């Protein structure tokens, strides 16, 4: 089951997206899809907090009372895994969209085909990520980890790497950073950051010249010399058509 939540405070726009998705649901018979609409971001947030999140969120940026990008920041506190697609009349909030790890930023007016192709990419991507798992020997025995749950890895004692997960676990494994990156790279969202760290671009909330801040609240420092290339890779990932 793929759960999609739509939020727009203009009924005409809300109905438009909903009708498009009804057609998408009929055409995409290989997926079981549920669609829920919300007329305000507060209703969406209340639903997520009390009934759980969605696999995909389609959110208008400009809404009365709360911008869609602000609602997305609150969503990230409640649900780190849902994919966010923004709909908007302006590019002014594109950077905020990247900061909340949005899957896509679609400018209005958009076509049915544009929305459908975006949803196809999102579903294909997280289907791959949900299947990819690695098996490693840790300091406490053999562990199997879904790569989608890994936020970043860093060097620990001796030749050990410490894997930080979205669930808050710290798993110590005896492996080099480069070999570990090779195991993570099929997921496409990992970037080798300097000689000792691998980061999941999907969980990056902010990049400064001194550190990377993740959705989990973790902060790591990195070599300043790679600041520009790191920022470029992050933006390229966010804007990727893959």
C-alpha atoms as a PDB file:
ATOM      1  CA  UNK A   1       0.000   0.000   0.000  1.00  0.00           C
ATOM      2  CA  UNK A   2       1.317   3.423  -1.021  1.00  0.00           C
ATOM      3  CA  UNK A   3      -0.288   6.172   1.058  1.00  0.00           C
ATOM      4  CA  UNK A   4      -0.460   9.657  -0.478  1.00  0.00           C
ATOM      5  CA  UNK A   5      -1.495  12.786   1.422  1.00  0.00           C
ATOM      6  CA  UNK A   6      -2.443  15.996  -0.432  1.00  0.00           C
ATOM      7  CA  UNK A   7      -2.587  19.398   1.259  1.00  0.00           C
ATOM      8  CA  UNK A   8      -3.849  22.609  -0.383  1.00  0.00           C
ATOM      9  CA  UNK A   9      -6.095  25.336   1.027  1.00  0.00           C
ATOM     10  CA  UNK A  10      -7.615  26.151  -2.381  1.00  0.00           C
ATOM     11  CA  UNK A  11     -10.421  23.706  -3.117  1.00  0.00           C
ATOM     12  CA  UNK A  12     -10.039  23.963  -6.879  1.00  0.00           C
ATOM     13  CA  UNK A  13      -6.343  23.075  -6.692  1.00  0.00           C
ATOM     14  CA  UNK A  14      -6.961  20.349  -4.126  1.00  0.00           C
ATOM     15  CA  UNK A  15      -9.617  18.782  -6.345  1.00  0.00           C
ATOM     16  CA  UNK A  16      -7.328  19.041  -9.370  1.00  0.00           C
ATOM     17  CA  UNK A  17      -4.521  17.071  -7.707  1.00  0.00           C
ATOM     18  CA  UNK A  18      -6.976  14.595  -6.242  1.00  0.00           C
ATOM     19  CA  UNK A  19      -8.581  13.952  -9.638  1.00  0.00           C
ATOM     20  CA  UNK A  20      -5.165  13.512 -11.247  1.00  0.00           C
ATOM     21  CA  UNK A  21      -4.245  10.962  -8.588  1.00  0.00           C
ATOM     22  CA  UNK A  22      -7.506   9.072  -9.030  1.00  0.00           C
ATOM     23  CA  UNK A  23      -6.558   8.661 -12.691  1.00  0.00           C
ATOM     24  CA  UNK A  24      -2.989   7.705 -11.745  1.00  0.00           C
ATOM     25  CA  UNK A  25      -4.361   5.096  -9.347  1.00  0.00           C
ATOM     26  CA  UNK A  26      -6.551   3.578 -12.100  1.00  0.00           C
ATOM     27  CA  UNK A  27      -3.664   3.527 -14.578  1.00  0.00           C
ATOM     28  CA  UNK A  28      -1.082   2.131 -12.132  1.00  0.00           C
ATOM     29  CA  UNK A  29      -2.664  -1.217 -11.391  1.00  0.00           C
ATOM     30  CA  UNK A  30       0.576  -2.689 -10.024  1.00  0.00           C
ATOM     31  CA  UNK A  31       0.354  -0.350  -7.017  1.00  0.00           C
ATOM     32  CA  UNK A  32      -2.269  -0.295  -4.291  1.00  0.00           C
ATOM     33  CA  UNK A  33      -2.738   3.398  -3.528  1.00  0.00           C
ATOM     34  CA  UNK A  34      -4.721   5.295  -0.902  1.00  0.00           C
ATOM     35  CA  UNK A  35      -5.334   9.042  -1.228  1.00  0.00           C
ATOM     36  CA  UNK A  36      -6.211  11.434   1.611  1.00  0.00           C
ATOM     37  CA  UNK A  37      -6.826  15.170   1.189  1.00  0.00           C
ATOM     38  CA  UNK A  38      -6.321  17.980   3.698  1.00  0.00           C
ATOM     39  CA  UNK A  39      -7.585  21.544   3.409  1.00  0.00           C
ATOM     40  CA  UNK A  40      -5.043  22.966   5.874  1.00  0.00           C
ATOM     41  CA  UNK A  41      -1.487  22.078   6.966  1.00  0.00           C
ATOM     42  CA  UNK A  42      -2.595  21.896  10.608  1.00  0.00           C
ATOM     43  CA  UNK A  43      -5.102  19.179   9.711  1.00  0.00           C
ATOM     44  CA  UNK A  44      -2.341  17.279   7.916  1.00  0.00           C
ATOM     45  CA  UNK A  45       0.065  17.574  10.839  1.00  0.00           C
ATOM     46  CA  UNK A  46      -2.611  16.527  13.335  1.00  0.00           C
ATOM     47  CA  UNK A  47      -3.411  13.461  11.241  1.00  0.00           C
ATOM     48  CA  UNK A  48       0.234  12.446  10.906  1.00  0.00           C
ATOM     49  CA  UNK A  49       0.873  12.889  14.616  1.00  0.00           C
ATOM     50  CA  UNK A  50      -2.149  10.823  15.637  1.00  0.00           C
ATOM     51  CA  UNK A  51      -2.524   8.291  12.838  1.00  0.00           C
ATOM     52  CA  UNK A  52       0.931   7.997  11.288  1.00  0.00           C
ATOM     53  CA  UNK A  53       2.606   9.361   8.191  1.00  0.00           C
ATOM     54  CA  UNK A  54       2.243   8.961   4.444  1.00  0.00           C
ATOM     55  CA  UNK A  55       4.630   7.555   1.873  1.00  0.00           C
ATOM     56  CA  UNK A  56       4.204  10.632  -0.331  1.00  0.00           C
ATOM     57  CA  UNK A  57       3.102  14.165   0.571  1.00  0.00           C
ATOM     58  CA  UNK A  58       1.935  16.592  -2.121  1.00  0.00           C
ATOM     59  CA  UNK A  59       1.898  20.046  -0.537  1.00  0.00           C
ATOM     60  CA  UNK A  60       1.130  23.514  -1.865  1.00  0.00           C
ATOM     61  CA  UNK A  61       3.718  26.070  -0.751  1.00  0.00           C
ATOM     62  CA  UNK A  62       1.458  29.108  -0.326  1.00  0.00           C
ATOM     63  CA  UNK A  63      -1.321  28.413   2.188  1.00  0.00           C
ATOM     64  CA  UNK A  64      -3.099  30.647   4.686  1.00  0.00           C
ATOM     65  CA  UNK A  65      -1.697  30.475   8.199  1.00  0.00           C
ATOM     66  CA  UNK A  66       1.361  28.354   7.395  1.00  0.00           C
ATOM     67  CA  UNK A  67       3.621  28.010   4.385  1.00  0.00           C
ATOM     68  CA  UNK A  68       3.915  24.520   2.982  1.00  0.00           C
ATOM     69  CA  UNK A  69       7.680  24.625   3.580  1.00  0.00           C
ATOM     70  CA  UNK A  70       7.062  25.398   7.279  1.00  0.00           C
ATOM     71  CA  UNK A  71       4.557  22.562   7.454  1.00  0.00           C
ATOM     72  CA  UNK A  72       7.182  20.294   5.883  1.00  0.00           C
ATOM     73  CA  UNK A  73       9.682  21.197   8.621  1.00  0.00           C
ATOM     74  CA  UNK A  74       7.109  20.122  11.206  1.00  0.00           C
ATOM     75  CA  UNK A  75       6.449  16.973   9.184  1.00  0.00           C
ATOM     76  CA  UNK A  76      10.127  16.073   9.280  1.00  0.00           C
ATOM     77  CA  UNK A  77       9.939  16.078  13.093  1.00  0.00           C
ATOM     78  CA  UNK A  78       7.059  13.593  12.914  1.00  0.00           C
ATOM     79  CA  UNK A  79       7.973  11.579   9.816  1.00  0.00           C
ATOM     80  CA  UNK A  80      11.513  11.407   8.424  1.00  0.00           C
ATOM     81  CA  UNK A  81      10.757   8.908   5.668  1.00  0.00           C
ATOM     82  CA  UNK A  82       7.857  10.361   3.703  1.00  0.00           C
ATOM     83  CA  UNK A  83       8.649  11.846   0.286  1.00  0.00           C
ATOM     84  CA  UNK A  84       7.562  15.478  -0.179  1.00  0.00           C
ATOM     85  CA  UNK A  85       6.476  17.006  -3.499  1.00  0.00           C
ATOM     86  CA  UNK A  86       5.881  20.759  -3.437  1.00  0.00           C
ATOM     87  CA  UNK A  87       3.485  22.568  -5.793  1.00  0.00           C
ATOM     88  CA  UNK A  88       3.966  26.317  -6.153  1.00  0.00           C
ATOM     89  CA  UNK A  89       3.617  29.422  -8.321  1.00  0.00           C
ATOM     90  CA  UNK A  90       7.113  30.678  -7.437  1.00  0.00           C
ATOM     91  CA  UNK A  91      10.720  29.512  -7.210  1.00  0.00           C
ATOM     92  CA  UNK A  92      11.273  31.702  -4.139  1.00  0.00           C
ATOM     93  CA  UNK A  93      11.086  28.792  -1.698  1.00  0.00           C
ATOM     94  CA  UNK A  94      13.214  26.294  -3.623  1.00  0.00           C
ATOM     95  CA  UNK A  95      16.053  26.447  -1.077  1.00  0.00           C
ATOM     96  CA  UNK A  96      13.620  25.731   1.782  1.00  0.00           C
ATOM     97  CA  UNK A  97      12.333  22.788  -0.244  1.00  0.00           C
ATOM     98  CA  UNK A  98      15.853  21.382  -0.450  1.00  0.00           C
ATOM     99  CA  UNK A  99      16.370  21.902   3.286  1.00  0.00           C
ATOM    100  CA  UNK A 100      13.430  19.613   4.107  1.00  0.00           C
ATOM    101  CA  UNK A 101      14.662  17.055   1.603  1.00  0.00           C
ATOM    102  CA  UNK A 102      11.815  17.459  -0.863  1.00  0.00           C
ATOM    103  CA  UNK A 103      11.651  14.921  -3.673  1.00  0.00           C
ATOM    104  CA  UNK A 104      10.494  17.512  -6.213  1.00  0.00           C
ATOM    105  CA  UNK A 105       9.521  21.177  -6.570  1.00  0.00           C
ATOM    106  CA  UNK A 106       6.851  21.514  -9.297  1.00  0.00           C
ATOM    107  CA  UNK A 107       5.972  24.931 -10.692  1.00  0.00           C
ATOM    108  CA  UNK A 108       2.375  25.753 -11.579  1.00  0.00           C
ATOM    109  CA  UNK A 109       0.822  25.447 -14.034  1.00  0.00           C
ATOM    110  CA  UNK A 110       1.856  21.828 -14.402  1.00  0.00           C
ATOM    111  CA  UNK A 111       0.478  19.015 -16.499  1.00  0.00           C
ATOM    112  CA  UNK A 112      -0.924  15.654 -15.567  1.00  0.00           C
ATOM    113  CA  UNK A 113       2.110  14.074 -17.221  1.00  0.00           C
ATOM    114  CA  UNK A 114       4.513  16.111 -15.069  1.00  0.00           C
ATOM    115  CA  UNK A 115       2.832  15.007 -11.845  1.00  0.00           C
ATOM    116  CA  UNK A 116       2.629  11.384 -12.983  1.00  0.00           C
ATOM    117  CA  UNK A 117       6.299  11.203 -13.980  1.00  0.00           C
ATOM    118  CA  UNK A 118       7.318  12.742 -10.643  1.00  0.00           C
ATOM    119  CA  UNK A 119       5.295  10.206  -8.681  1.00  0.00           C
ATOM    120  CA  UNK A 120       6.735   7.388 -10.807  1.00  0.00           C
ATOM    121  CA  UNK A 121      10.293   8.521  -9.984  1.00  0.00           C
ATOM    122  CA  UNK A 122       9.540   8.809  -6.279  1.00  0.00           C
ATOM    123  CA  UNK A 123       7.911   5.372  -6.087  1.00  0.00           C
ATOM    124  CA  UNK A 124      10.670   3.719  -8.109  1.00  0.00           C
ATOM    125  CA  UNK A 125      13.307   5.294  -5.911  1.00  0.00           C
ATOM    126  CA  UNK A 126      11.899   4.302  -2.583  1.00  0.00           C
ATOM    127  CA  UNK A 127      11.005   0.816  -3.838  1.00  0.00           C
ATOM    128  CA  UNK A 128      14.697   0.286  -4.598  1.00  0.00           C
ATOM    129  CA  UNK A 129      15.791   1.754  -1.274  1.00  0.00           C
ATOM    130  CA  UNK A 130      13.305  -0.299   0.730  1.00  0.00           C
ATOM    131  CA  UNK A 131      14.739  -3.506  -0.709  1.00  0.00           C
ATOM    132  CA  UNK A 132      18.448  -2.730  -0.337  1.00  0.00           C
ATOM    133  CA  UNK A 133      20.005  -4.225   2.785  1.00  0.00           C
ATOM    134  CA  UNK A 134      23.617  -4.832   3.815  1.00  0.00           C
ATOM    135  CA  UNK A 135      24.983  -7.486   6.175  1.00  0.00           C
ATOM    136  CA  UNK A 136      27.964  -6.588   8.369  1.00  0.00           C
ATOM    137  CA  UNK A 137      29.898  -7.941  11.322  1.00  0.00           C
ATOM    138  CA  UNK A 138      29.526  -5.576  14.250  1.00  0.00           C
ATOM    139  CA  UNK A 139      31.195  -5.505  17.651  1.00  0.00           C
ATOM    140  CA  UNK A 140      28.103  -7.319  18.964  1.00  0.00           C
ATOM    141  CA  UNK A 141      27.641  -9.873  16.165  1.00  0.00           C
ATOM    142  CA  UNK A 142      26.281  -9.976  12.618  1.00  0.00           C
ATOM    143  CA  UNK A 143      23.744  -7.263  11.747  1.00  0.00           C
ATOM    144  CA  UNK A 144      21.531  -6.605   8.720  1.00  0.00           C
ATOM    145  CA  UNK A 145      20.723  -2.955   8.014  1.00  0.00           C
ATOM    146  CA  UNK A 146      18.468  -1.311   5.452  1.00  0.00           C
ATOM    147  CA  UNK A 147      20.595   1.339   3.753  1.00  0.00           C
ATOM    148  CA  UNK A 148      17.596   3.700   3.705  1.00  0.00           C
ATOM    149  CA  UNK A 149      17.856   3.854   7.524  1.00  0.00           C
ATOM    150  CA  UNK A 150      21.508   4.953   7.598  1.00  0.00           C
ATOM    151  CA  UNK A 151      21.980   8.682   8.189  1.00  0.00           C
ATOM    152  CA  UNK A 152      25.795   8.800   8.130  1.00  0.00           C
ATOM    153  CA  UNK A 153      28.886   6.779   9.022  1.00  0.00           C
ATOM    154  CA  UNK A 154      32.123   7.939  10.621  1.00  0.00           C
ATOM    155  CA  UNK A 155      35.425   6.413  11.659  1.00  0.00           C
ATOM    156  CA  UNK A 156      35.707   5.020  15.175  1.00  0.00           C
ATOM    157  CA  UNK A 157      38.494   3.221  17.010  1.00  0.00           C
ATOM    158  CA  UNK A 158      41.157   1.372  15.018  1.00  0.00           C
ATOM    159  CA  UNK A 159      39.617   0.161  11.737  1.00  0.00           C
ATOM    160  CA  UNK A 160      36.028   0.385  12.914  1.00  0.00           C
ATOM    161  CA  UNK A 161      33.259   2.506  11.399  1.00  0.00           C
ATOM    162  CA  UNK A 162      30.277   3.769  13.383  1.00  0.00           C
ATOM    163  CA  UNK A 163      26.956   3.635  11.539  1.00  0.00           C
ATOM    164  CA  UNK A 164      24.308   6.119  12.716  1.00  0.00           C
ATOM    165  CA  UNK A 165      20.703   5.199  11.861  1.00  0.00           C
ATOM    166  CA  UNK A 166      17.474   7.164  11.711  1.00  0.00           C
ATOM    167  CA  UNK A 167      16.258   5.114  14.683  1.00  0.00           C
ATOM    168  CA  UNK A 168      19.117   6.547  16.789  1.00  0.00           C
ATOM    169  CA  UNK A 169      21.279   3.398  16.819  1.00  0.00           C
ATOM    170  CA  UNK A 170      25.093   3.561  16.736  1.00  0.00           C
ATOM    171  CA  UNK A 171      26.427   0.347  15.218  1.00  0.00           C
ATOM    172  CA  UNK A 172      30.180  -0.310  15.320  1.00  0.00           C
ATOM    173  CA  UNK A 173      31.493  -2.425  12.419  1.00  0.00           C
ATOM    174  CA  UNK A 174      35.024  -3.486  11.479  1.00  0.00           C
ATOM    175  CA  UNK A 175      35.385  -2.221   7.912  1.00  0.00           C
ATOM    176  CA  UNK A 176      37.070   0.661   6.107  1.00  0.00           C
ATOM    177  CA  UNK A 177      35.147   3.775   5.131  1.00  0.00           C
ATOM    178  CA  UNK A 178      35.815   3.151   1.432  1.00  0.00           C
ATOM    179  CA  UNK A 179      34.586  -0.452   1.450  1.00  0.00           C
ATOM    180  CA  UNK A 180      31.514   0.578   3.421  1.00  0.00           C
ATOM    181  CA  UNK A 181      30.788   3.292   0.856  1.00  0.00           C
ATOM    182  CA  UNK A 182      30.962   0.659  -1.875  1.00  0.00           C
ATOM    183  CA  UNK A 183      28.251  -1.313  -0.076  1.00  0.00           C
ATOM    184  CA  UNK A 184      26.088   1.787   0.406  1.00  0.00           C
ATOM    185  CA  UNK A 185      26.485   3.309  -3.057  1.00  0.00           C
ATOM    186  CA  UNK A 186      23.754   1.274  -4.871  1.00  0.00           C
ATOM    187  CA  UNK A 187      21.199   3.364  -2.956  1.00  0.00           C
ATOM    188  CA  UNK A 188      22.432   6.451  -4.921  1.00  0.00           C
ATOM    189  CA  UNK A 189      21.858   8.887  -2.058  1.00  0.00           C
ATOM    190  CA  UNK A 190      25.221   8.335  -0.325  1.00  0.00           C
ATOM    191  CA  UNK A 191      28.218  10.602  -0.724  1.00  0.00           C
ATOM    192  CA  UNK A 192      31.742   9.998   0.517  1.00  0.00           C
ATOM    193  CA  UNK A 193      32.603  13.046   2.604  1.00  0.00           C
ATOM    194  CA  UNK A 194      36.340  13.376   3.061  1.00  0.00           C
ATOM    195  CA  UNK A 195      38.389  10.282   3.913  1.00  0.00           C
ATOM    196  CA  UNK A 196      36.419   9.022   6.897  1.00  0.00           C
ATOM    197  CA  UNK A 197      32.694   9.775   6.511  1.00  0.00           C
ATOM    198  CA  UNK A 198      29.811   8.658   4.304  1.00  0.00           C
ATOM    199  CA  UNK A 199      26.641  10.764   4.404  1.00  0.00           C
ATOM    200  CA  UNK A 200      23.102  10.082   3.229  1.00  0.00           C
ATOM    201  CA  UNK A 201      22.082  13.187   1.276  1.00  0.00           C
ATOM    202  CA  UNK A 202      18.446  12.334   1.906  1.00  0.00           C
ATOM    203  CA  UNK A 203      18.774  13.171   5.611  1.00  0.00           C
ATOM    204  CA  UNK A 204      20.786  16.397   5.355  1.00  0.00           C
ATOM    205  CA  UNK A 205      18.870  19.364   6.741  1.00  0.00           C
ATOM    206  CA  UNK A 206      21.539  22.051   6.439  1.00  0.00           C
ATOM    207  CA  UNK A 207      25.093  22.491   5.197  1.00  0.00           C
ATOM    208  CA  UNK A 208      27.284  25.227   6.659  1.00  0.00           C
ATOM    209  CA  UNK A 209      30.942  25.912   5.947  1.00  0.00           C
ATOM    210  CA  UNK A 210      31.863  24.089   9.153  1.00  0.00           C
ATOM    211  CA  UNK A 211      29.348  21.292   9.571  1.00  0.00           C
ATOM    212  CA  UNK A 212      26.508  19.151   8.263  1.00  0.00           C
ATOM    213  CA  UNK A 213      23.267  19.052  10.234  1.00  0.00           C
ATOM    214  CA  UNK A 214      20.953  16.074   9.783  1.00  0.00           C
ATOM    215  CA  UNK A 215      17.223  15.619  10.320  1.00  0.00           C
ATOM    216  CA  UNK A 216      18.065  13.632  13.449  1.00  0.00           C
ATOM    217  CA  UNK A 217      19.759  16.669  15.002  1.00  0.00           C
ATOM    218  CA  UNK A 218      23.218  15.105  14.644  1.00  0.00           C
ATOM    219  CA  UNK A 219      25.958  17.476  13.530  1.00  0.00           C
ATOM    220  CA  UNK A 220      29.315  16.515  12.042  1.00  0.00           C
ATOM    221  CA  UNK A 221      32.271  18.630  10.979  1.00  0.00           C
ATOM    222  CA  UNK A 222      33.978  18.020   7.652  1.00  0.00           C
ATOM    223  CA  UNK A 223      37.001  19.360   5.715  1.00  0.00           C
ATOM    224  CA  UNK A 224      36.332  22.932   4.589  1.00  0.00           C
ATOM    225  CA  UNK A 225      38.009  22.293   1.228  1.00  0.00           C
ATOM    226  CA  UNK A 226      35.061  20.146   0.101  1.00  0.00           C
ATOM    227  CA  UNK A 227      32.355  22.677   1.056  1.00  0.00           C
ATOM    228  CA  UNK A 228      31.560  23.746  -2.517  1.00  0.00           C
ATOM    229  CA  UNK A 229      31.613  20.226  -3.956  1.00  0.00           C
ATOM    230  CA  UNK A 230      29.450  18.960  -1.080  1.00  0.00           C
ATOM    231  CA  UNK A 231      26.912  21.727  -1.633  1.00  0.00           C
ATOM    232  CA  UNK A 232      26.916  21.066  -5.393  1.00  0.00           C
ATOM    233  CA  UNK A 233      26.355  17.322  -4.881  1.00  0.00           C
ATOM    234  CA  UNK A 234      23.528  17.997  -2.439  1.00  0.00           C
ATOM    235  CA  UNK A 235      21.750  20.315  -4.878  1.00  0.00           C
ATOM    236  CA  UNK A 236      22.369  17.918  -7.759  1.00  0.00           C
ATOM    237  CA  UNK A 237      20.830  15.093  -5.739  1.00  0.00           C
ATOM    238  CA  UNK A 238      17.783  17.183  -4.868  1.00  0.00           C
ATOM    239  CA  UNK A 239      17.249  18.204  -8.488  1.00  0.00           C
ATOM    240  CA  UNK A 240      18.035  14.811  -9.980  1.00  0.00           C
ATOM    241  CA  UNK A 241      15.582  13.336 -12.451  1.00  0.00           C
ATOM    242  CA  UNK A 242      16.627   9.833 -11.447  1.00  0.00           C
END
